[in-house]
Amino acid sequence: SIGHASPEAAAGGAIGLVRDGDKVLIDIPNRSINLMIDDAEIAERRAEQDKKGWKPVESRPRKVTTALKAYALLATSADKGAVRDKALLDKLVP
């Protein structure tokens, strides 16, 4: 889904560097989204973002079910598709 960009942004993808007015090329057949600015501008924005550091949103109380906890142990991160990864199970149970 082209609307699922936040994991890529959080993982350091260029989508997290987009500003109002930027041109973004969405190429559905090739499954890519590209920020249409030069490499120097991307490097400048990334350096600016790195100076700010990363901080999570405010924590909130929530109930996480046992099933979701089990899934989280065996799934890849959202920017990798949040799919089950048997290699993660092999690490837990040799």
C-alpha atoms as a PDB file:
ATOM      1  CA  SER A   1       0.000   0.000   0.000  1.00  0.00           C
ATOM      2  CA  ILE A   2       1.404   3.401  -0.880  1.00  0.00           C
ATOM      3  CA  GLY A   3      -0.323   4.809   2.187  1.00  0.00           C
ATOM      4  CA  HIS A   4       1.795   2.715   4.557  1.00  0.00           C
ATOM      5  CA  ALA A   5       4.821   5.027   4.707  1.00  0.00           C
ATOM      6  CA  SER A   6       5.416   5.599   8.413  1.00  0.00           C
ATOM      7  CA  PRO A   7       7.544   2.462   9.009  1.00  0.00           C
ATOM      8  CA  GLU A   8       9.869   3.421   6.174  1.00  0.00           C
ATOM      9  CA  ALA A   9      10.113   6.960   7.524  1.00  0.00           C
ATOM     10  CA  ALA A  10      10.907   5.684  11.011  1.00  0.00           C
ATOM     11  CA  ALA A  11      13.561   3.354   9.592  1.00  0.00           C
ATOM     12  CA  GLY A  12      15.373   6.321   8.027  1.00  0.00           C
ATOM     13  CA  GLY A  13      13.869   6.242   4.548  1.00  0.00           C
ATOM     14  CA  ALA A  14      13.784   9.401   2.444  1.00  0.00           C
ATOM     15  CA  ILE A  15       9.990   9.510   2.810  1.00  0.00           C
ATOM     16  CA  GLY A  16      10.602  10.865   6.316  1.00  0.00           C
ATOM     17  CA  LEU A  17      12.387  13.871   4.805  1.00  0.00           C
ATOM     18  CA  VAL A  18       9.493  15.097   2.628  1.00  0.00           C
ATOM     19  CA  ARG A  19       8.432  18.709   3.144  1.00  0.00           C
ATOM     20  CA  ASP A  20       5.418  20.657   1.935  1.00  0.00           C
ATOM     21  CA  GLY A  21       5.802  21.483  -1.750  1.00  0.00           C
ATOM     22  CA  ASP A  22       8.236  18.641  -2.571  1.00  0.00           C
ATOM     23  CA  LYS A  23       7.549  16.548  -5.647  1.00  0.00           C
ATOM     24  CA  VAL A  24       7.190  12.835  -4.963  1.00  0.00           C
ATOM     25  CA  LEU A  25       7.174  10.271  -7.779  1.00  0.00           C
ATOM     26  CA  ILE A  26       4.922   7.285  -7.087  1.00  0.00           C
ATOM     27  CA  ASP A  27       5.732   4.413  -9.471  1.00  0.00           C
ATOM     28  CA  ILE A  28       3.162   1.701  -8.797  1.00  0.00           C
ATOM     29  CA  PRO A  29       4.392  -0.867 -11.385  1.00  0.00           C
ATOM     30  CA  ASN A  30       7.911  -0.707  -9.909  1.00  0.00           C
ATOM     31  CA  ARG A  31       6.613  -0.455  -6.327  1.00  0.00           C
ATOM     32  CA  SER A  32       8.630   2.626  -5.457  1.00  0.00           C
ATOM     33  CA  ILE A  33       8.168   6.096  -4.041  1.00  0.00           C
ATOM     34  CA  ASN A  34      10.920   8.626  -4.750  1.00  0.00           C
ATOM     35  CA  LEU A  35      11.530  12.083  -3.361  1.00  0.00           C
ATOM     36  CA  MET A  36      12.419  14.272  -6.337  1.00  0.00           C
ATOM     37  CA  ILE A  37      15.133  16.485  -4.828  1.00  0.00           C
ATOM     38  CA  ASP A  38      18.879  16.359  -5.369  1.00  0.00           C
ATOM     39  CA  ASP A  39      21.221  14.241  -3.255  1.00  0.00           C
ATOM     40  CA  ALA A  40      22.793  17.288  -1.583  1.00  0.00           C
ATOM     41  CA  GLU A  41      19.388  18.459  -0.312  1.00  0.00           C
ATOM     42  CA  ILE A  42      18.574  14.953   0.937  1.00  0.00           C
ATOM     43  CA  ALA A  43      21.921  14.828   2.777  1.00  0.00           C
ATOM     44  CA  GLU A  44      21.272  18.259   4.329  1.00  0.00           C
ATOM     45  CA  ARG A  45      17.796  17.262   5.497  1.00  0.00           C
ATOM     46  CA  ARG A  46      19.045  13.938   6.863  1.00  0.00           C
ATOM     47  CA  ALA A  47      21.821  15.696   8.826  1.00  0.00           C
ATOM     48  CA  GLU A  48      19.259  18.157  10.210  1.00  0.00           C
ATOM     49  CA  GLN A  49      16.983  15.274  11.231  1.00  0.00           C
ATOM     50  CA  ASP A  50      19.886  13.342  12.796  1.00  0.00           C
ATOM     51  CA  LYS A  51      20.737  16.375  14.964  1.00  0.00           C
ATOM     52  CA  LYS A  52      17.219  16.299  16.396  1.00  0.00           C
ATOM     53  CA  GLY A  53      17.558  12.629  17.296  1.00  0.00           C
ATOM     54  CA  TRP A  54      14.764  10.105  17.492  1.00  0.00           C
ATOM     55  CA  LYS A  55      12.170  10.062  20.201  1.00  0.00           C
ATOM     56  CA  PRO A  56       8.988   8.029  20.402  1.00  0.00           C
ATOM     57  CA  VAL A  57       5.574   9.549  20.819  1.00  0.00           C
ATOM     58  CA  GLU A  58       4.242   9.827  24.342  1.00  0.00           C
ATOM     59  CA  SER A  59       3.523   6.407  25.783  1.00  0.00           C
ATOM     60  CA  ARG A  60      -0.089   5.551  26.393  1.00  0.00           C
ATOM     61  CA  PRO A  61      -1.733   2.877  28.474  1.00  0.00           C
ATOM     62  CA  ARG A  62      -2.836  -0.051  26.357  1.00  0.00           C
ATOM     63  CA  LYS A  63      -3.592  -3.716  26.760  1.00  0.00           C
ATOM     64  CA  VAL A  64      -1.534  -5.984  24.528  1.00  0.00           C
ATOM     65  CA  THR A  65      -3.000  -9.456  24.193  1.00  0.00           C
ATOM     66  CA  THR A  66      -0.923 -12.600  24.578  1.00  0.00           C
ATOM     67  CA  ALA A  67      -1.626 -13.430  20.933  1.00  0.00           C
ATOM     68  CA  LEU A  68      -0.215 -10.086  19.798  1.00  0.00           C
ATOM     69  CA  LYS A  69       2.854 -10.541  22.002  1.00  0.00           C
ATOM     70  CA  ALA A  70       3.463 -13.983  20.440  1.00  0.00           C
ATOM     71  CA  TYR A  71       3.047 -12.552  16.939  1.00  0.00           C
ATOM     72  CA  ALA A  72       5.460  -9.707  17.740  1.00  0.00           C
ATOM     73  CA  LEU A  73       8.131 -12.220  18.762  1.00  0.00           C
ATOM     74  CA  LEU A  74       7.892 -13.962  15.391  1.00  0.00           C
ATOM     75  CA  ALA A  75       7.281 -11.079  12.978  1.00  0.00           C
ATOM     76  CA  THR A  76       9.552  -8.756  11.068  1.00  0.00           C
ATOM     77  CA  SER A  77       9.317  -5.009  11.583  1.00  0.00           C
ATOM     78  CA  ALA A  78       6.626  -3.006   9.808  1.00  0.00           C
ATOM     79  CA  ASP A  79       9.101  -1.586   7.280  1.00  0.00           C
ATOM     80  CA  LYS A  80       9.917  -5.188   6.279  1.00  0.00           C
ATOM     81  CA  GLY A  81       6.246  -6.136   5.887  1.00  0.00           C
ATOM     82  CA  ALA A  82       5.385  -7.327   9.425  1.00  0.00           C
ATOM     83  CA  VAL A  83       5.357 -10.926   8.212  1.00  0.00           C
ATOM     84  CA  ARG A  84       6.189 -14.018  10.229  1.00  0.00           C
ATOM     85  CA  ASP A  85       9.853 -15.012  10.060  1.00  0.00           C
ATOM     86  CA  LYS A  86      10.693 -18.642  10.874  1.00  0.00           C
ATOM     87  CA  ALA A  87      14.326 -17.651  11.540  1.00  0.00           C
ATOM     88  CA  LEU A  88      13.097 -15.702  14.584  1.00  0.00           C
ATOM     89  CA  LEU A  89      11.442 -18.861  15.915  1.00  0.00           C
ATOM     90  CA  ASP A  90      14.669 -20.802  15.373  1.00  0.00           C
ATOM     91  CA  LYS A  91      16.483 -18.252  17.555  1.00  0.00           C
ATOM     92  CA  LEU A  92      13.978 -18.809  20.374  1.00  0.00           C
ATOM     93  CA  VAL A  93      13.810 -22.598  20.098  1.00  0.00           C
ATOM     94  CA  PRO A  94      17.075 -24.066  18.757  1.00  0.00           C
END
